[in-house]
Amino acid sequence: MKRTYKRYTKEQKTALLDELKTSGMSVDKFAKKHGVSVGSLNNWKSAKTGTTTKKAVTDPRTDAAKQIELLQKEVDVLTAKCDLYATAIEVCAKQMRAAGIMPLVNIK
């Protein structure tokens, strides 16, 4: 036997959603009371508000690639800072030697 589904007009959907909002009932109880599936109510609500209740599915490989890219940028920044500090230490050591002070760091 072929299953038949009840079709709801836009006005009926809006009326049911408004009633659900003011009823204070859970979506499950409301759906059972009115013979509507919870999924239909959620779909109607999503269509009305332009939102979705489904979570976006992301590819974990894409997330990993983004994470690797962020980490590589952080490594580049830290490497640049390290080079800058090494240059600063070298300049300071040369100035100390020129002033007759023996630096604590052995740098050429």
C-alpha atoms as a PDB file:
ATOM      1  CA  MET A   1       0.000   0.000   0.000  1.00  0.00           C
ATOM      2  CA  LYS A   2       1.346   3.375  -1.001  1.00  0.00           C
ATOM      3  CA  ARG A   3       1.825   5.856   1.820  1.00  0.00           C
ATOM      4  CA  THR A   4       0.202   9.239   1.444  1.00  0.00           C
ATOM      5  CA  TYR A   5       1.464  12.451   2.958  1.00  0.00           C
ATOM      6  CA  LYS A   6      -0.569  15.437   3.966  1.00  0.00           C
ATOM      7  CA  ARG A   7       0.380  18.638   2.170  1.00  0.00           C
ATOM      8  CA  TYR A   8       0.366  21.865   4.135  1.00  0.00           C
ATOM      9  CA  THR A   9      -0.117  25.293   2.638  1.00  0.00           C
ATOM     10  CA  LYS A  10       2.193  28.139   3.499  1.00  0.00           C
ATOM     11  CA  GLU A  11      -0.524  29.638   5.705  1.00  0.00           C
ATOM     12  CA  GLN A  12      -1.046  26.346   7.573  1.00  0.00           C
ATOM     13  CA  LYS A  13       2.686  26.001   8.182  1.00  0.00           C
ATOM     14  CA  THR A  14       2.923  29.567   9.480  1.00  0.00           C
ATOM     15  CA  ALA A  15      -0.113  29.053  11.725  1.00  0.00           C
ATOM     16  CA  LEU A  16       1.337  25.853  13.181  1.00  0.00           C
ATOM     17  CA  LEU A  17       4.718  27.477  13.790  1.00  0.00           C
ATOM     18  CA  ASP A  18       3.072  30.464  15.494  1.00  0.00           C
ATOM     19  CA  GLU A  19       0.985  28.125  17.636  1.00  0.00           C
ATOM     20  CA  LEU A  20       4.086  26.112  18.538  1.00  0.00           C
ATOM     21  CA  LYS A  21       5.864  29.278  19.614  1.00  0.00           C
ATOM     22  CA  THR A  22       3.031  30.398  21.905  1.00  0.00           C
ATOM     23  CA  SER A  23       2.029  26.941  23.162  1.00  0.00           C
ATOM     24  CA  GLY A  24       4.987  26.427  25.482  1.00  0.00           C
ATOM     25  CA  MET A  25       4.997  22.763  24.463  1.00  0.00           C
ATOM     26  CA  SER A  26       8.048  20.834  23.398  1.00  0.00           C
ATOM     27  CA  VAL A  27       8.418  20.295  19.672  1.00  0.00           C
ATOM     28  CA  ASP A  28       7.926  16.533  20.170  1.00  0.00           C
ATOM     29  CA  LYS A  29       4.637  16.900  22.047  1.00  0.00           C
ATOM     30  CA  PHE A  30       3.359  19.560  19.672  1.00  0.00           C
ATOM     31  CA  ALA A  31       4.207  17.429  16.648  1.00  0.00           C
ATOM     32  CA  LYS A  32       2.393  14.388  18.082  1.00  0.00           C
ATOM     33  CA  LYS A  33      -0.648  16.474  19.035  1.00  0.00           C
ATOM     34  CA  HIS A  34      -0.984  17.884  15.498  1.00  0.00           C
ATOM     35  CA  GLY A  35       0.114  14.796  13.558  1.00  0.00           C
ATOM     36  CA  VAL A  36       3.163  16.526  12.098  1.00  0.00           C
ATOM     37  CA  SER A  37       6.691  15.193  12.154  1.00  0.00           C
ATOM     38  CA  VAL A  38       9.359  16.981  14.163  1.00  0.00           C
ATOM     39  CA  GLY A  39      11.487  17.089  11.018  1.00  0.00           C
ATOM     40  CA  SER A  40       8.745  18.894   9.107  1.00  0.00           C
ATOM     41  CA  LEU A  41       8.372  21.492  11.861  1.00  0.00           C
ATOM     42  CA  ASN A  42      12.122  22.060  11.931  1.00  0.00           C
ATOM     43  CA  ASN A  43      12.280  22.315   8.138  1.00  0.00           C
ATOM     44  CA  TRP A  44       9.439  24.818   8.054  1.00  0.00           C
ATOM     45  CA  LYS A  45      11.060  26.874  10.786  1.00  0.00           C
ATOM     46  CA  SER A  46      14.389  26.840   8.946  1.00  0.00           C
ATOM     47  CA  ALA A  47      12.740  27.875   5.703  1.00  0.00           C
ATOM     48  CA  LYS A  48      10.869  30.675   7.453  1.00  0.00           C
ATOM     49  CA  THR A  49      13.905  32.073   9.312  1.00  0.00           C
ATOM     50  CA  GLY A  50      16.511  31.289   6.670  1.00  0.00           C
ATOM     51  CA  THR A  51      18.556  29.215   9.096  1.00  0.00           C
ATOM     52  CA  THR A  52      19.283  25.550   9.338  1.00  0.00           C
ATOM     53  CA  THR A  53      19.405  23.147  12.260  1.00  0.00           C
ATOM     54  CA  LYS A  54      21.875  20.884  10.494  1.00  0.00           C
ATOM     55  CA  LYS A  55      25.523  21.263  11.377  1.00  0.00           C
ATOM     56  CA  ALA A  56      27.876  22.024   8.547  1.00  0.00           C
ATOM     57  CA  VAL A  57      29.996  19.047   7.623  1.00  0.00           C
ATOM     58  CA  THR A  58      33.615  19.935   7.113  1.00  0.00           C
ATOM     59  CA  ASP A  59      36.324  17.807   5.636  1.00  0.00           C
ATOM     60  CA  PRO A  60      38.864  17.048   8.382  1.00  0.00           C
ATOM     61  CA  ARG A  61      41.649  17.186   5.785  1.00  0.00           C
ATOM     62  CA  THR A  62      40.686  20.773   4.997  1.00  0.00           C
ATOM     63  CA  ASP A  63      40.760  21.624   8.696  1.00  0.00           C
ATOM     64  CA  ALA A  64      44.165  19.965   9.036  1.00  0.00           C
ATOM     65  CA  ALA A  65      45.517  21.859   6.037  1.00  0.00           C
ATOM     66  CA  LYS A  66      44.330  25.155   7.533  1.00  0.00           C
ATOM     67  CA  GLN A  67      45.925  24.256  10.856  1.00  0.00           C
ATOM     68  CA  ILE A  68      49.207  23.395   9.128  1.00  0.00           C
ATOM     69  CA  GLU A  69      49.128  26.710   7.269  1.00  0.00           C
ATOM     70  CA  LEU A  70      48.554  28.640  10.510  1.00  0.00           C
ATOM     71  CA  LEU A  71      51.373  26.760  12.239  1.00  0.00           C
ATOM     72  CA  GLN A  72      53.733  27.426   9.317  1.00  0.00           C
ATOM     73  CA  LYS A  73      52.978  31.148   9.549  1.00  0.00           C
ATOM     74  CA  GLU A  74      53.695  31.041  13.272  1.00  0.00           C
ATOM     75  CA  VAL A  75      56.997  29.246  12.628  1.00  0.00           C
ATOM     76  CA  ASP A  76      57.935  31.916  10.068  1.00  0.00           C
ATOM     77  CA  VAL A  77      57.207  34.710  12.557  1.00  0.00           C
ATOM     78  CA  LEU A  78      59.184  33.001  15.322  1.00  0.00           C
ATOM     79  CA  THR A  79      62.109  32.370  12.953  1.00  0.00           C
ATOM     80  CA  ALA A  80      62.151  36.040  11.950  1.00  0.00           C
ATOM     81  CA  LYS A  81      62.126  37.083  15.627  1.00  0.00           C
ATOM     82  CA  CYS A  82      64.950  34.668  16.394  1.00  0.00           C
ATOM     83  CA  ASP A  83      67.040  36.101  13.526  1.00  0.00           C
ATOM     84  CA  LEU A  84      66.338  39.626  14.740  1.00  0.00           C
ATOM     85  CA  TYR A  85      67.401  38.771  18.304  1.00  0.00           C
ATOM     86  CA  ALA A  86      70.587  37.072  17.062  1.00  0.00           C
ATOM     87  CA  THR A  87      71.469  40.167  15.033  1.00  0.00           C
ATOM     88  CA  ALA A  88      70.781  42.420  18.033  1.00  0.00           C
ATOM     89  CA  ILE A  89      73.006  40.292  20.268  1.00  0.00           C
ATOM     90  CA  GLU A  90      75.764  40.362  17.662  1.00  0.00           C
ATOM     91  CA  VAL A  91      75.597  44.168  17.389  1.00  0.00           C
ATOM     92  CA  CYS A  92      75.627  44.553  21.178  1.00  0.00           C
ATOM     93  CA  ALA A  93      78.606  42.186  21.510  1.00  0.00           C
ATOM     94  CA  LYS A  94      80.590  44.189  18.920  1.00  0.00           C
ATOM     95  CA  GLN A  95      79.792  47.445  20.725  1.00  0.00           C
ATOM     96  CA  MET A  96      80.846  45.929  24.055  1.00  0.00           C
ATOM     97  CA  ARG A  97      84.160  44.711  22.584  1.00  0.00           C
ATOM     98  CA  ALA A  98      84.743  48.151  21.085  1.00  0.00           C
ATOM     99  CA  ALA A  99      84.197  49.659  24.553  1.00  0.00           C
ATOM    100  CA  GLY A 100      86.653  47.197  26.094  1.00  0.00           C
ATOM    101  CA  ILE A 101      84.008  45.086  27.829  1.00  0.00           C
ATOM    102  CA  MET A 102      84.097  41.342  27.343  1.00  0.00           C
ATOM    103  CA  PRO A 103      80.570  40.131  26.342  1.00  0.00           C
ATOM    104  CA  LEU A 104      79.179  37.031  28.015  1.00  0.00           C
ATOM    105  CA  VAL A 105      78.178  35.636  24.638  1.00  0.00           C
ATOM    106  CA  ASN A 106      80.698  34.270  22.157  1.00  0.00           C
ATOM    107  CA  ILE A 107      79.692  35.819  18.865  1.00  0.00           C
ATOM    108  CA  LYS A 108      82.091  36.770  16.083  1.00  0.00           C
END
